[in-house]
Amino acid sequence: MQLISDILLGAAALAAAVYCIVLSRRLTRFNQLESGMGGAIAVLSAQVDDMTKALVRAQATAAASAEQLKALTERAENGAERLEIMLASLHDLPDSDTDSRRHRVVRRRGRTNDLEAAE
């Protein structure tokens, strides 16, 4: 009985050794940088790094744009408040009699002497 268990134990050890060799070869092919998945993983890792840097730059640009937009919005709101105050002060002015005064349009004729000299 002991002999059978020793033979089965040896066979199991041999099967485990063969399995480890097969896994080792697969892992070696998987990790090859030129043709295997290792190369693809290295390329993807570089692309992830580039995208991370681009994302950081985009976030910085967006933050700067948001600050600039906030400043411009505050400036516009202040201008709108000033315009409202000016319009309110215009309503307080007395009405002028625009009907009694007529506007005059004065036309001036060009100098003919200058035109003759230019010819």
PDB file of N, CA and C in Angstrom:
ATOM      1  N   MET A   1       0.819  -1.182   0.000  1.00  0.00           N
ATOM      2  CA  MET A   1       0.000   0.000   0.000  1.00  0.00           C
ATOM      3  C   MET A   1       0.868   1.253   0.000  1.00  0.00           C
ATOM      4  N   GLN A   2       1.941   1.161   0.715  1.00  0.00           N
ATOM      5  CA  GLN A   2       2.849   2.295   0.778  1.00  0.00           C
ATOM      6  C   GLN A   2       3.539   2.516  -0.567  1.00  0.00           C
ATOM      7  N   LEU A   3       3.814   1.472  -1.255  1.00  0.00           N
ATOM      8  CA  LEU A   3       4.456   1.569  -2.558  1.00  0.00           C
ATOM      9  C   LEU A   3       3.530   2.256  -3.568  1.00  0.00           C
ATOM     10  N   ILE A   4       2.247   1.935  -3.506  1.00  0.00           N
ATOM     11  CA  ILE A   4       1.278   2.553  -4.418  1.00  0.00           C
ATOM     12  C   ILE A   4       1.163   4.046  -4.115  1.00  0.00           C
ATOM     13  N   SER A   5       1.129   4.407  -2.849  1.00  0.00           N
ATOM     14  CA  SER A   5       1.035   5.826  -2.492  1.00  0.00           C
ATOM     15  C   SER A   5       2.292   6.580  -2.915  1.00  0.00           C
ATOM     16  N   ASP A   6       3.465   5.920  -2.828  1.00  0.00           N
ATOM     17  CA  ASP A   6       4.706   6.570  -3.278  1.00  0.00           C
ATOM     18  C   ASP A   6       4.700   6.775  -4.792  1.00  0.00           C
ATOM     19  N   ILE A   7       4.182   5.798  -5.518  1.00  0.00           N
ATOM     20  CA  ILE A   7       4.113   5.920  -6.984  1.00  0.00           C
ATOM     21  C   ILE A   7       3.141   7.036  -7.372  1.00  0.00           C
ATOM     22  N   LEU A   8       1.989   7.092  -6.711  1.00  0.00           N
ATOM     23  CA  LEU A   8       1.019   8.161  -6.990  1.00  0.00           C
ATOM     24  C   LEU A   8       1.576   9.536  -6.624  1.00  0.00           C
ATOM     25  N   LEU A   9       2.317   9.609  -5.530  1.00  0.00           N
ATOM     26  CA  LEU A   9       2.929  10.874  -5.122  1.00  0.00           C
ATOM     27  C   LEU A   9       3.985  11.316  -6.130  1.00  0.00           C
ATOM     28  N   GLY A  10       4.781  10.375  -6.629  1.00  0.00           N
ATOM     29  CA  GLY A  10       5.795  10.689  -7.649  1.00  0.00           C
ATOM     30  C   GLY A  10       5.155  11.136  -8.943  1.00  0.00           C
ATOM     31  N   ALA A  11       4.050  10.467  -9.344  1.00  0.00           N
ATOM     32  CA  ALA A  11       3.341  10.841 -10.573  1.00  0.00           C
ATOM     33  C   ALA A  11       2.741  12.237 -10.437  1.00  0.00           C
ATOM     34  N   ALA A  12       2.195  12.534  -9.278  1.00  0.00           N
ATOM     35  CA  ALA A  12       1.625  13.872  -9.050  1.00  0.00           C
ATOM     36  C   ALA A  12       2.712  14.935  -9.084  1.00  0.00           C
ATOM     37  N   ALA A  13       3.874  14.635  -8.515  1.00  0.00           N
ATOM     38  CA  ALA A  13       4.987  15.587  -8.543  1.00  0.00           C
ATOM     39  C   ALA A  13       5.472  15.797  -9.965  1.00  0.00           C
ATOM     40  N   LEU A  14       5.546  14.720 -10.747  1.00  0.00           N
ATOM     41  CA  LEU A  14       5.958  14.822 -12.144  1.00  0.00           C
ATOM     42  C   LEU A  14       4.947  15.638 -12.948  1.00  0.00           C
ATOM     43  N   ALA A  15       3.659  15.428 -12.726  1.00  0.00           N
ATOM     44  CA  ALA A  15       2.614  16.197 -13.413  1.00  0.00           C
ATOM     45  C   ALA A  15       2.694  17.675 -13.025  1.00  0.00           C
ATOM     46  N   ALA A  16       2.958  17.964 -11.766  1.00  0.00           N
ATOM     47  CA  ALA A  16       3.095  19.357 -11.322  1.00  0.00           C
ATOM     48  C   ALA A  16       4.311  20.007 -11.965  1.00  0.00           C
ATOM     49  N   ALA A  17       5.411  19.241 -12.120  1.00  0.00           N
ATOM     50  CA  ALA A  17       6.615  19.781 -12.756  1.00  0.00           C
ATOM     51  C   ALA A  17       6.355  20.105 -14.219  1.00  0.00           C
ATOM     52  N   VAL A  18       5.660  19.205 -14.926  1.00  0.00           N
ATOM     53  CA  VAL A  18       5.327  19.451 -16.339  1.00  0.00           C
ATOM     54  C   VAL A  18       4.407  20.672 -16.452  1.00  0.00           C
ATOM     55  N   TYR A  19       3.450  20.768 -15.570  1.00  0.00           N
ATOM     56  CA  TYR A  19       2.528  21.910 -15.579  1.00  0.00           C
ATOM     57  C   TYR A  19       3.286  23.213 -15.330  1.00  0.00           C
ATOM     58  N   CYS A  20       4.237  23.216 -14.413  1.00  0.00           N
ATOM     59  CA  CYS A  20       5.045  24.412 -14.128  1.00  0.00           C
ATOM     60  C   CYS A  20       5.892  24.806 -15.334  1.00  0.00           C
ATOM     61  N   ILE A  21       6.435  23.819 -16.051  1.00  0.00           N
ATOM     62  CA  ILE A  21       7.232  24.118 -17.248  1.00  0.00           C
ATOM     63  C   ILE A  21       6.353  24.750 -18.326  1.00  0.00           C
ATOM     64  N   VAL A  22       5.163  24.197 -18.519  1.00  0.00           N
ATOM     65  CA  VAL A  22       4.237  24.756 -19.511  1.00  0.00           C
ATOM     66  C   VAL A  22       3.869  26.189 -19.138  1.00  0.00           C
ATOM     67  N   LEU A  23       3.559  26.434 -17.883  1.00  0.00           N
ATOM     68  CA  LEU A  23       3.217  27.791 -17.437  1.00  0.00           C
ATOM     69  C   LEU A  23       4.394  28.741 -17.589  1.00  0.00           C
ATOM     70  N   SER A  24       5.588  28.257 -17.326  1.00  0.00           N
ATOM     71  CA  SER A  24       6.777  29.087 -17.458  1.00  0.00           C
ATOM     72  C   SER A  24       6.974  29.528 -18.901  1.00  0.00           C
ATOM     73  N   ARG A  25       6.799  28.600 -19.838  1.00  0.00           N
ATOM     74  CA  ARG A  25       6.949  28.950 -21.258  1.00  0.00           C
ATOM     75  C   ARG A  25       5.871  29.945 -21.694  1.00  0.00           C
ATOM     76  N   ARG A  26       4.651  29.729 -21.255  1.00  0.00           N
ATOM     77  CA  ARG A  26       3.571  30.665 -21.603  1.00  0.00           C
ATOM     78  C   ARG A  26       3.840  32.062 -21.034  1.00  0.00           C
ATOM     79  N   LEU A  27       4.307  32.103 -19.815  1.00  0.00           N
ATOM     80  CA  LEU A  27       4.604  33.392 -19.187  1.00  0.00           C
ATOM     81  C   LEU A  27       5.759  34.094 -19.887  1.00  0.00           C
ATOM     82  N   THR A  28       6.746  33.344 -20.340  1.00  0.00           N
ATOM     83  CA  THR A  28       7.865  33.939 -21.059  1.00  0.00           C
ATOM     84  C   THR A  28       7.386  34.544 -22.371  1.00  0.00           C
ATOM     85  N   ARG A  29       6.530  33.830 -23.092  1.00  0.00           N
ATOM     86  CA  ARG A  29       5.991  34.376 -24.343  1.00  0.00           C
ATOM     87  C   ARG A  29       5.084  35.573 -24.072  1.00  0.00           C
ATOM     88  N   PHE A  30       4.376  35.518 -22.988  1.00  0.00           N
ATOM     89  CA  PHE A  30       3.467  36.616 -22.636  1.00  0.00           C
ATOM     90  C   PHE A  30       4.241  37.894 -22.319  1.00  0.00           C
ATOM     91  N   ASN A  31       5.367  37.769 -21.679  1.00  0.00           N
ATOM     92  CA  ASN A  31       6.130  38.931 -21.232  1.00  0.00           C
ATOM     93  C   ASN A  31       7.144  39.442 -22.244  1.00  0.00           C
ATOM     94  N   GLN A  32       7.260  38.821 -23.406  1.00  0.00           N
ATOM     95  CA  GLN A  32       8.209  39.316 -24.400  1.00  0.00           C
ATOM     96  C   GLN A  32       7.786  40.707 -24.845  1.00  0.00           C
ATOM     97  N   LEU A  33       8.733  41.658 -24.826  1.00  0.00           N
ATOM     98  CA  LEU A  33       8.407  43.045 -25.135  1.00  0.00           C
ATOM     99  C   LEU A  33       8.205  43.278 -26.625  1.00  0.00           C
ATOM    100  N   GLU A  34       8.850  42.500 -27.472  1.00  0.00           N
ATOM    101  CA  GLU A  34       8.761  42.757 -28.902  1.00  0.00           C
ATOM    102  C   GLU A  34       7.448  42.277 -29.507  1.00  0.00           C
ATOM    103  N   SER A  35       7.058  41.047 -29.166  1.00  0.00           N
ATOM    104  CA  SER A  35       5.911  40.469 -29.857  1.00  0.00           C
ATOM    105  C   SER A  35       4.767  40.079 -28.936  1.00  0.00           C
ATOM    106  N   GLY A  36       5.000  39.983 -27.674  1.00  0.00           N
ATOM    107  CA  GLY A  36       3.972  39.468 -26.781  1.00  0.00           C
ATOM    108  C   GLY A  36       3.130  40.563 -26.167  1.00  0.00           C
ATOM    109  N   MET A  37       2.400  40.169 -25.169  1.00  0.00           N
ATOM    110  CA  MET A  37       1.525  41.097 -24.460  1.00  0.00           C
ATOM    111  C   MET A  37       2.314  42.113 -23.659  1.00  0.00           C
ATOM    112  N   GLY A  38       3.555  41.779 -23.334  1.00  0.00           N
ATOM    113  CA  GLY A  38       4.381  42.722 -22.581  1.00  0.00           C
ATOM    114  C   GLY A  38       4.588  44.016 -23.343  1.00  0.00           C
ATOM    115  N   GLY A  39       4.795  43.898 -24.657  1.00  0.00           N
ATOM    116  CA  GLY A  39       4.945  45.092 -25.490  1.00  0.00           C
ATOM    117  C   GLY A  39       3.670  45.911 -25.526  1.00  0.00           C
ATOM    118  N   ALA A  40       2.550  45.220 -25.660  1.00  0.00           N
ATOM    119  CA  ALA A  40       1.263  45.921 -25.680  1.00  0.00           C
ATOM    120  C   ALA A  40       1.001  46.607 -24.350  1.00  0.00           C
ATOM    121  N   ILE A  41       1.359  45.932 -23.275  1.00  0.00           N
ATOM    122  CA  ILE A  41       1.168  46.530 -21.950  1.00  0.00           C
ATOM    123  C   ILE A  41       2.069  47.742 -21.778  1.00  0.00           C
ATOM    124  N   ALA A  42       3.310  47.661 -22.282  1.00  0.00           N
ATOM    125  CA  ALA A  42       4.226  48.800 -22.183  1.00  0.00           C
ATOM    126  C   ALA A  42       3.708  49.985 -22.987  1.00  0.00           C
ATOM    127  N   VAL A  43       3.188  49.724 -24.184  1.00  0.00           N
ATOM    128  CA  VAL A  43       2.633  50.803 -25.013  1.00  0.00           C
ATOM    129  C   VAL A  43       1.420  51.418 -24.333  1.00  0.00           C
ATOM    130  N   LEU A  44       0.537  50.589 -23.815  1.00  0.00           N
ATOM    131  CA  LEU A  44      -0.651  51.103 -23.133  1.00  0.00           C
ATOM    132  C   LEU A  44      -0.281  51.892 -21.886  1.00  0.00           C
ATOM    133  N   SER A  45       0.735  51.450 -21.184  1.00  0.00           N
ATOM    134  CA  SER A  45       1.186  52.174 -19.997  1.00  0.00           C
ATOM    135  C   SER A  45       1.708  53.556 -20.375  1.00  0.00           C
ATOM    136  N   ALA A  46       2.466  53.631 -21.470  1.00  0.00           N
ATOM    137  CA  ALA A  46       2.960  54.932 -21.934  1.00  0.00           C
ATOM    138  C   ALA A  46       1.803  55.829 -22.353  1.00  0.00           C
ATOM    139  N   GLN A  47       0.802  55.258 -23.015  1.00  0.00           N
ATOM    140  CA  GLN A  47      -0.356  56.050 -23.426  1.00  0.00           C
ATOM    141  C   GLN A  47      -1.148  56.542 -22.219  1.00  0.00           C
ATOM    142  N   VAL A  48      -1.259  55.723 -21.206  1.00  0.00           N
ATOM    143  CA  VAL A  48      -1.955  56.143 -19.984  1.00  0.00           C
ATOM    144  C   VAL A  48      -1.211  57.301 -19.331  1.00  0.00           C
ATOM    145  N   ASP A  49       0.116  57.233 -19.304  1.00  0.00           N
ATOM    146  CA  ASP A  49       0.904  58.333 -18.741  1.00  0.00           C
ATOM    147  C   ASP A  49       0.690  59.619 -19.530  1.00  0.00           C
ATOM    148  N   ASP A  50       0.698  59.515 -20.866  1.00  0.00           N
ATOM    149  CA  ASP A  50       0.469  60.692 -21.703  1.00  0.00           C
ATOM    150  C   ASP A  50      -0.926  61.270 -21.480  1.00  0.00           C
ATOM    151  N   MET A  51      -1.915  60.394 -21.392  1.00  0.00           N
ATOM    152  CA  MET A  51      -3.282  60.866 -21.171  1.00  0.00           C
ATOM    153  C   MET A  51      -3.441  61.500 -19.792  1.00  0.00           C
ATOM    154  N   THR A  52      -2.737  60.980 -18.808  1.00  0.00           N
ATOM    155  CA  THR A  52      -2.785  61.569 -17.470  1.00  0.00           C
ATOM    156  C   THR A  52      -2.206  62.974 -17.491  1.00  0.00           C
ATOM    157  N   LYS A  53      -1.085  63.143 -18.186  1.00  0.00           N
ATOM    158  CA  LYS A  53      -0.483  64.478 -18.296  1.00  0.00           C
ATOM    159  C   LYS A  53      -1.404  65.431 -19.041  1.00  0.00           C
ATOM    160  N   ALA A  54      -2.025  64.950 -20.122  1.00  0.00           N
ATOM    161  CA  ALA A  54      -2.956  65.787 -20.876  1.00  0.00           C
ATOM    162  C   ALA A  54      -4.160  66.162 -20.023  1.00  0.00           C
ATOM    163  N   LEU A  55      -4.627  65.241 -19.213  1.00  0.00           N
ATOM    164  CA  LEU A  55      -5.762  65.514 -18.336  1.00  0.00           C
ATOM    165  C   LEU A  55      -5.411  66.573 -17.297  1.00  0.00           C
ATOM    166  N   VAL A  56      -4.209  66.488 -16.745  1.00  0.00           N
ATOM    167  CA  VAL A  56      -3.774  67.489 -15.762  1.00  0.00           C
ATOM    168  C   VAL A  56      -3.702  68.865 -16.418  1.00  0.00           C
ATOM    169  N   ARG A  57      -3.157  68.916 -17.645  1.00  0.00           N
ATOM    170  CA  ARG A  57      -3.089  70.201 -18.353  1.00  0.00           C
ATOM    171  C   ARG A  57      -4.484  70.736 -18.649  1.00  0.00           C
ATOM    172  N   ALA A  58      -5.394  69.858 -19.058  1.00  0.00           N
ATOM    173  CA  ALA A  58      -6.761  70.287 -19.357  1.00  0.00           C
ATOM    174  C   ALA A  58      -7.468  70.791 -18.103  1.00  0.00           C
ATOM    175  N   GLN A  59      -7.237  70.137 -16.977  1.00  0.00           N
ATOM    176  CA  GLN A  59      -7.844  70.591 -15.728  1.00  0.00           C
ATOM    177  C   GLN A  59      -7.298  71.954 -15.323  1.00  0.00           C
ATOM    178  N   ALA A  60      -5.998  72.163 -15.506  1.00  0.00           N
ATOM    179  CA  ALA A  60      -5.411  73.461 -15.171  1.00  0.00           C
ATOM    180  C   ALA A  60      -5.977  74.552 -16.075  1.00  0.00           C
ATOM    181  N   THR A  61      -6.115  74.250 -17.360  1.00  0.00           N
ATOM    182  CA  THR A  61      -6.681  75.221 -18.295  1.00  0.00           C
ATOM    183  C   THR A  61      -8.133  75.522 -17.951  1.00  0.00           C
ATOM    184  N   ALA A  62      -8.888  74.496 -17.608  1.00  0.00           N
ATOM    185  CA  ALA A  62     -10.296  74.695 -17.248  1.00  0.00           C
ATOM    186  C   ALA A  62     -10.424  75.526 -15.978  1.00  0.00           C
ATOM    187  N   ALA A  63      -9.543  75.292 -15.017  1.00  0.00           N
ATOM    188  CA  ALA A  63      -9.587  76.075 -13.779  1.00  0.00           C
ATOM    189  C   ALA A  63      -9.262  77.535 -14.060  1.00  0.00           C
ATOM    190  N   ALA A  64      -8.264  77.775 -14.912  1.00  0.00           N
ATOM    191  CA  ALA A  64      -7.911  79.158 -15.257  1.00  0.00           C
ATOM    192  C   ALA A  64      -9.054  79.829 -16.006  1.00  0.00           C
ATOM    193  N   SER A  65      -9.687  79.106 -16.915  1.00  0.00           N
ATOM    194  CA  SER A  65     -10.820  79.663 -17.654  1.00  0.00           C
ATOM    195  C   SER A  65     -11.990  79.952 -16.724  1.00  0.00           C
ATOM    196  N   ALA A  66     -12.211  79.094 -15.766  1.00  0.00           N
ATOM    197  CA  ALA A  66     -13.301  79.316 -14.811  1.00  0.00           C
ATOM    198  C   ALA A  66     -13.042  80.563 -13.973  1.00  0.00           C
ATOM    199  N   GLU A  67     -11.803  80.751 -13.541  1.00  0.00           N
ATOM    200  CA  GLU A  67     -11.467  81.951 -12.770  1.00  0.00           C
ATOM    201  C   GLU A  67     -11.652  83.208 -13.615  1.00  0.00           C
ATOM    202  N   GLN A  68     -11.211  83.145 -14.876  1.00  0.00           N
ATOM    203  CA  GLN A  68     -11.351  84.299 -15.761  1.00  0.00           C
ATOM    204  C   GLN A  68     -12.828  84.592 -16.018  1.00  0.00           C
ATOM    205  N   LEU A  69     -13.612  83.550 -16.233  1.00  0.00           N
ATOM    206  CA  LEU A  69     -15.041  83.732 -16.455  1.00  0.00           C
ATOM    207  C   LEU A  69     -15.718  84.308 -15.222  1.00  0.00           C
ATOM    208  N   LYS A  70     -15.302  83.869 -14.049  1.00  0.00           N
ATOM    209  CA  LYS A  70     -15.867  84.392 -12.806  1.00  0.00           C
ATOM    210  C   LYS A  70     -15.559  85.879 -12.664  1.00  0.00           C
ATOM    211  N   ALA A  71     -14.311  86.266 -12.974  1.00  0.00           N
ATOM    212  CA  ALA A  71     -13.936  87.675 -12.880  1.00  0.00           C
ATOM    213  C   ALA A  71     -14.724  88.512 -13.882  1.00  0.00           C
ATOM    214  N   LEU A  72     -14.880  88.012 -15.103  1.00  0.00           N
ATOM    215  CA  LEU A  72     -15.635  88.755 -16.115  1.00  0.00           C
ATOM    216  C   LEU A  72     -17.116  88.848 -15.749  1.00  0.00           C
ATOM    217  N   THR A  73     -17.655  87.800 -15.153  1.00  0.00           N
ATOM    218  CA  THR A  73     -19.054  87.827 -14.731  1.00  0.00           C
ATOM    219  C   THR A  73     -19.271  88.854 -13.629  1.00  0.00           C
ATOM    220  N   GLU A  74     -18.360  88.895 -12.666  1.00  0.00           N
ATOM    221  CA  GLU A  74     -18.467  89.890 -11.595  1.00  0.00           C
ATOM    222  C   GLU A  74     -18.356  91.302 -12.159  1.00  0.00           C
ATOM    223  N   ARG A  75     -17.456  91.490 -13.116  1.00  0.00           N
ATOM    224  CA  ARG A  75     -17.301  92.812 -13.735  1.00  0.00           C
ATOM    225  C   ARG A  75     -18.580  93.208 -14.475  1.00  0.00           C
ATOM    226  N   ALA A  76     -19.184  92.251 -15.183  1.00  0.00           N
ATOM    227  CA  ALA A  76     -20.422  92.533 -15.906  1.00  0.00           C
ATOM    228  C   ALA A  76     -21.562  92.842 -14.939  1.00  0.00           C
ATOM    229  N   GLU A  77     -21.637  92.115 -13.832  1.00  0.00           N
ATOM    230  CA  GLU A  77     -22.682  92.383 -12.845  1.00  0.00           C
ATOM    231  C   GLU A  77     -22.509  93.766 -12.236  1.00  0.00           C
ATOM    232  N   ASN A  78     -21.267  94.156 -11.947  1.00  0.00           N
ATOM    233  CA  ASN A  78     -21.023  95.500 -11.418  1.00  0.00           C
ATOM    234  C   ASN A  78     -21.420  96.560 -12.434  1.00  0.00           C
ATOM    235  N   GLY A  79     -21.100  96.322 -13.704  1.00  0.00           N
ATOM    236  CA  GLY A  79     -21.494  97.260 -14.751  1.00  0.00           C
ATOM    237  C   GLY A  79     -23.001  97.355 -14.879  1.00  0.00           C
ATOM    238  N   ALA A  80     -23.686  96.222 -14.766  1.00  0.00           N
ATOM    239  CA  ALA A  80     -25.147  96.226 -14.849  1.00  0.00           C
ATOM    240  C   ALA A  80     -25.754  97.001 -13.678  1.00  0.00           C
ATOM    241  N   GLU A  81     -25.179  96.841 -12.491  1.00  0.00           N
ATOM    242  CA  GLU A  81     -25.669  97.601 -11.337  1.00  0.00           C
ATOM    243  C   GLU A  81     -25.475  99.096 -11.548  1.00  0.00           C
ATOM    244  N   ARG A  82     -24.319  99.481 -12.098  1.00  0.00           N
ATOM    245  CA  ARG A  82     -24.081 100.907 -12.356  1.00  0.00           C
ATOM    246  C   ARG A  82     -25.057 101.438 -13.395  1.00  0.00           C
ATOM    247  N   LEU A  83     -25.331 100.641 -14.428  1.00  0.00           N
ATOM    248  CA  LEU A  83     -26.295 101.069 -15.443  1.00  0.00           C
ATOM    249  C   LEU A  83     -27.692 101.218 -14.850  1.00  0.00           C
ATOM    250  N   GLU A  84     -28.071 100.315 -13.964  1.00  0.00           N
ATOM    251  CA  GLU A  84     -29.382 100.429 -13.323  1.00  0.00           C
ATOM    252  C   GLU A  84     -29.470 101.699 -12.493  1.00  0.00           C
ATOM    253  N   ILE A  85     -28.387 102.029 -11.794  1.00  0.00           N
ATOM    254  CA  ILE A  85     -28.372 103.261 -10.994  1.00  0.00           C
ATOM    255  C   ILE A  85     -28.462 104.475 -11.902  1.00  0.00           C
ATOM    256  N   MET A  86     -27.745 104.450 -13.025  1.00  0.00           N
ATOM    257  CA  MET A  86     -27.800 105.578 -13.963  1.00  0.00           C
ATOM    258  C   MET A  86     -29.190 105.732 -14.557  1.00  0.00           C
ATOM    259  N   LEU A  87     -29.816 104.615 -14.919  1.00  0.00           N
ATOM    260  CA  LEU A  87     -31.173 104.694 -15.457  1.00  0.00           C
ATOM    261  C   LEU A  87     -32.154 105.205 -14.408  1.00  0.00           C
ATOM    262  N   ALA A  88     -31.971 104.781 -13.178  1.00  0.00           N
ATOM    263  CA  ALA A  88     -32.849 105.269 -12.113  1.00  0.00           C
ATOM    264  C   ALA A  88     -32.656 106.762 -11.906  1.00  0.00           C
ATOM    265  N   SER A  89     -31.426 107.226 -12.020  1.00  0.00           N
ATOM    266  CA  SER A  89     -31.193 108.664 -11.849  1.00  0.00           C
ATOM    267  C   SER A  89     -31.736 109.451 -13.032  1.00  0.00           C
ATOM    268  N   LEU A  90     -31.816 108.868 -14.216  1.00  0.00           N
ATOM    269  CA  LEU A  90     -32.399 109.563 -15.368  1.00  0.00           C
ATOM    270  C   LEU A  90     -33.901 109.749 -15.194  1.00  0.00           C
ATOM    271  N   HIS A  91     -34.548 108.842 -14.498  1.00  0.00           N
ATOM    272  CA  HIS A  91     -35.984 108.982 -14.266  1.00  0.00           C
ATOM    273  C   HIS A  91     -36.273 110.133 -13.306  1.00  0.00           C
ATOM    274  N   ASP A  92     -35.307 110.511 -12.504  1.00  0.00           N
ATOM    275  CA  ASP A  92     -35.493 111.602 -11.552  1.00  0.00           C
ATOM    276  C   ASP A  92     -35.349 112.970 -12.200  1.00  0.00           C
ATOM    277  N   LEU A  93     -34.782 113.070 -13.395  1.00  0.00           N
ATOM    278  CA  LEU A  93     -34.589 114.357 -14.062  1.00  0.00           C
ATOM    279  C   LEU A  93     -35.930 114.904 -14.531  1.00  0.00           C
ATOM    280  N   PRO A  94     -36.080 116.249 -14.505  1.00  0.00           N
ATOM    281  CA  PRO A  94     -37.340 116.827 -14.997  1.00  0.00           C
ATOM    282  C   PRO A  94     -37.409 116.709 -16.518  1.00  0.00           C
ATOM    283  N   ASP A  95     -38.643 116.636 -17.006  1.00  0.00           N
ATOM    284  CA  ASP A  95     -38.836 116.541 -18.455  1.00  0.00           C
ATOM    285  C   ASP A  95     -38.499 117.876 -19.089  1.00  0.00           C
ATOM    286  N   SER A  96     -37.784 117.856 -20.173  1.00  0.00           N
ATOM    287  CA  SER A  96     -37.445 119.099 -20.879  1.00  0.00           C
ATOM    288  C   SER A  96     -38.473 119.324 -21.978  1.00  0.00           C
ATOM    289  N   ASP A  97     -38.650 120.582 -22.333  1.00  0.00           N
ATOM    290  CA  ASP A  97     -39.610 120.924 -23.385  1.00  0.00           C
ATOM    291  C   ASP A  97     -38.913 120.775 -24.731  1.00  0.00           C
ATOM    292  N   THR A  98     -39.010 119.655 -25.297  1.00  0.00           N
ATOM    293  CA  THR A  98     -38.354 119.410 -26.582  1.00  0.00           C
ATOM    294  C   THR A  98     -39.204 119.900 -27.736  1.00  0.00           C
ATOM    295  N   ASP A  99     -40.504 120.077 -27.505  1.00  0.00           N
ATOM    296  CA  ASP A  99     -41.381 120.518 -28.586  1.00  0.00           C
ATOM    297  C   ASP A  99     -41.157 121.987 -28.911  1.00  0.00           C
ATOM    298  N   SER A 100     -40.817 122.801 -27.915  1.00  0.00           N
ATOM    299  CA  SER A 100     -40.676 124.232 -28.153  1.00  0.00           C
ATOM    300  C   SER A 100     -39.378 124.557 -28.884  1.00  0.00           C
ATOM    301  N   ARG A 101     -38.405 123.732 -28.804  1.00  0.00           N
ATOM    302  CA  ARG A 101     -37.137 123.989 -29.483  1.00  0.00           C
ATOM    303  C   ARG A 101     -37.054 123.116 -30.722  1.00  0.00           C
ATOM    304  N   ARG A 102     -36.595 123.733 -31.775  1.00  0.00           N
ATOM    305  CA  ARG A 102     -36.400 122.981 -33.002  1.00  0.00           C
ATOM    306  C   ARG A 102     -34.906 122.857 -33.238  1.00  0.00           C
ATOM    307  N   HIS A 103     -34.509 121.730 -33.684  1.00  0.00           N
ATOM    308  CA  HIS A 103     -33.100 121.523 -33.987  1.00  0.00           C
ATOM    309  C   HIS A 103     -32.787 122.068 -35.373  1.00  0.00           C
ATOM    310  N   ARG A 104     -31.620 122.673 -35.460  1.00  0.00           N
ATOM    311  CA  ARG A 104     -31.184 123.227 -36.730  1.00  0.00           C
ATOM    312  C   ARG A 104     -30.041 122.400 -37.273  1.00  0.00           C
ATOM    313  N   VAL A 105     -30.084 122.170 -38.550  1.00  0.00           N
ATOM    314  CA  VAL A 105     -29.006 121.451 -39.200  1.00  0.00           C
ATOM    315  C   VAL A 105     -28.262 122.443 -40.066  1.00  0.00           C
ATOM    316  N   VAL A 106     -26.974 122.534 -39.854  1.00  0.00           N
ATOM    317  CA  VAL A 106     -26.161 123.474 -40.616  1.00  0.00           C
ATOM    318  C   VAL A 106     -25.278 122.667 -41.550  1.00  0.00           C
ATOM    319  N   ARG A 107     -25.340 123.046 -42.818  1.00  0.00           N
ATOM    320  CA  ARG A 107     -24.487 122.381 -43.799  1.00  0.00           C
ATOM    321  C   ARG A 107     -23.436 123.367 -44.270  1.00  0.00           C
ATOM    322  N   ARG A 108     -22.262 122.880 -44.370  1.00  0.00           N
ATOM    323  CA  ARG A 108     -21.186 123.734 -44.863  1.00  0.00           C
ATOM    324  C   ARG A 108     -20.768 123.236 -46.230  1.00  0.00           C
ATOM    325  N   ARG A 109     -20.531 124.181 -47.082  1.00  0.00           N
ATOM    326  CA  ARG A 109     -20.097 123.812 -48.420  1.00  0.00           C
ATOM    327  C   ARG A 109     -18.583 123.712 -48.443  1.00  0.00           C
ATOM    328  N   GLY A 110     -18.105 122.778 -49.232  1.00  0.00           N
ATOM    329  CA  GLY A 110     -16.666 122.609 -49.350  1.00  0.00           C
ATOM    330  C   GLY A 110     -16.033 123.778 -50.088  1.00  0.00           C
ATOM    331  N   ARG A 111     -14.792 123.998 -49.864  1.00  0.00           N
ATOM    332  CA  ARG A 111     -14.086 125.093 -50.537  1.00  0.00           C
ATOM    333  C   ARG A 111     -13.795 124.702 -51.980  1.00  0.00           C
ATOM    334  N   THR A 112     -14.180 125.527 -52.861  1.00  0.00           N
ATOM    335  CA  THR A 112     -13.941 125.239 -54.277  1.00  0.00           C
ATOM    336  C   THR A 112     -12.505 125.554 -54.659  1.00  0.00           C
ATOM    337  N   ASN A 113     -11.877 126.485 -53.949  1.00  0.00           N
ATOM    338  CA  ASN A 113     -10.494 126.840 -54.272  1.00  0.00           C
ATOM    339  C   ASN A 113      -9.562 125.660 -54.023  1.00  0.00           C
ATOM    340  N   ASP A 114      -9.801 124.915 -52.953  1.00  0.00           N
ATOM    341  CA  ASP A 114      -8.961 123.763 -52.647  1.00  0.00           C
ATOM    342  C   ASP A 114      -9.113 122.673 -53.698  1.00  0.00           C
ATOM    343  N   LEU A 115     -10.325 122.533 -54.215  1.00  0.00           N
ATOM    344  CA  LEU A 115     -10.553 121.509 -55.220  1.00  0.00           C
ATOM    345  C   LEU A 115      -9.853 121.852 -56.526  1.00  0.00           C
ATOM    346  N   GLU A 116      -9.852 123.141 -56.876  1.00  0.00           N
ATOM    347  CA  GLU A 116      -9.190 123.539 -58.115  1.00  0.00           C
ATOM    348  C   GLU A 116      -7.687 123.355 -58.006  1.00  0.00           C
ATOM    349  N   ALA A 117      -7.140 123.610 -56.828  1.00  0.00           N
ATOM    350  CA  ALA A 117      -5.702 123.468 -56.649  1.00  0.00           C
ATOM    351  C   ALA A 117      -5.298 122.003 -56.687  1.00  0.00           C
ATOM    352  N   ALA A 118      -6.194 121.131 -56.285  1.00  0.00           N
ATOM    353  CA  ALA A 118      -5.865 119.716 -56.265  1.00  0.00           C
ATOM    354  C   ALA A 118      -5.849 119.130 -57.665  1.00  0.00           C
ATOM    355  N   GLU A 119      -6.599 119.755 -58.583  1.00  0.00           N
ATOM    356  CA  GLU A 119      -6.659 119.217 -59.942  1.00  0.00           C
ATOM    357  C   GLU A 119      -5.395 119.520 -60.627  1.00  0.00           C
TER     358      GLU A 119
END
